[in-house]
Amino acid sequence: MRCAVCKGPTENRLITYIQEYKTKVIIIENVPAEVCGQCGEKLLHPEIAKRIQKLVWESPTPKRKDSVPVYDLADVA
């Protein structure tokens, strides 16, 4: 796959995704993404974006809390 921004090559990687929702900042770990090796652009596949949206809207108990909630997408069906 090629990057939509710079046309560089992408690779599948697990990233940490940060989402702002209402007044909260939520950190979601182990999110599969296509990451450009040239510019760093990250692309989420639609099914991953839907899982993230469900997680943010449902607000289950986070895996741990620091100063913001941290979730692990691998733990969410």
Protein backbone atom coordinates (compact mmCIF):
# COMPACT_ATOMS: atom_id res chain seq x y z
CA MET A 1 0.00 0.00 0.00
CA ARG A 2 1.13 3.55 -0.68
CA CYS A 3 0.63 6.62 1.51
CA ALA A 4 -2.16 8.94 0.38
CA VAL A 5 -0.13 11.96 1.50
CA CYS A 6 3.39 11.36 0.15
CA LYS A 7 3.05 8.11 -1.84
CA GLY A 8 5.67 6.44 0.36
CA PRO A 9 5.40 2.77 1.35
CA THR A 10 3.25 1.81 4.32
CA GLU A 11 3.49 -1.07 6.74
CA ASN A 12 1.13 -2.69 9.23
CA ARG A 13 1.99 -1.65 12.78
CA LEU A 14 0.36 -1.35 16.18
CA ILE A 15 0.06 2.25 17.30
CA THR A 16 -1.20 4.17 20.30
CA TYR A 17 -4.24 6.19 19.27
CA ILE A 18 -5.28 9.32 21.15
CA GLN A 19 -8.92 10.39 20.99
CA GLU A 20 -10.55 13.47 22.44
CA TYR A 21 -14.20 12.98 23.37
CA LYS A 22 -16.26 15.58 25.16
CA THR A 23 -13.94 16.81 27.94
CA LYS A 24 -11.77 13.68 28.05
CA VAL A 25 -8.58 12.55 26.38
CA ILE A 26 -8.58 8.79 25.80
CA ILE A 27 -5.53 6.69 24.92
CA ILE A 28 -6.12 3.42 23.08
CA GLU A 29 -3.15 1.05 22.81
CA ASN A 30 -2.39 -1.69 20.27
CA VAL A 31 -4.41 -0.22 17.42
CA PRO A 32 -3.63 -1.85 14.04
CA ALA A 33 -2.81 0.79 11.42
CA GLU A 34 -1.03 1.32 8.12
CA VAL A 35 1.89 3.65 8.88
CA CYS A 36 3.91 5.44 6.21
CA GLY A 37 7.62 4.77 6.57
CA GLN A 38 8.40 8.06 4.86
CA CYS A 39 6.14 10.70 6.44
CA GLY A 40 4.57 8.84 9.39
CA GLU A 41 0.97 9.29 8.23
CA LYS A 42 -1.35 6.75 9.90
CA LEU A 43 -4.34 5.12 8.21
CA LEU A 44 -6.99 3.23 10.16
CA HIS A 45 -9.10 0.67 8.33
CA PRO A 46 -12.86 1.30 8.60
CA GLU A 47 -13.52 -1.71 10.87
CA ILE A 48 -10.82 -0.49 13.30
CA ALA A 49 -12.30 3.02 13.28
CA LYS A 50 -15.73 1.52 14.12
CA ARG A 51 -14.24 -0.46 17.03
CA ILE A 52 -12.58 2.70 18.35
CA GLN A 53 -15.83 4.66 18.03
CA LYS A 54 -17.72 1.94 19.94
CA LEU A 55 -15.08 1.91 22.67
CA VAL A 56 -15.15 5.69 23.08
CA TRP A 57 -18.96 5.91 23.12
CA GLU A 58 -19.49 3.00 25.52
CA SER A 59 -16.73 4.03 27.96
CA PRO A 60 -16.03 0.62 29.52
CA THR A 61 -13.73 0.37 32.51
CA PRO A 62 -10.24 1.27 31.23
CA LYS A 63 -7.34 -1.15 31.43
CA ARG A 64 -5.58 1.36 33.67
CA LYS A 65 -5.72 5.06 34.55
CA ASP A 66 -2.93 7.53 34.79
CA SER A 67 -3.94 11.09 34.21
CA VAL A 68 -6.09 9.92 31.26
CA PRO A 69 -7.87 6.59 30.57
CA VAL A 70 -5.82 4.01 28.61
CA TYR A 71 -7.50 1.20 26.66
CA ASP A 72 -6.08 -1.78 24.78
CA LEU A 73 -7.97 -2.36 21.54
CA ALA A 74 -6.78 -5.99 21.55
CA ASP A 75 -9.04 -6.55 24.60
CA VAL A 76 -12.18 -5.27 22.82
CA ALA A 77 -14.22 -7.63 20.62
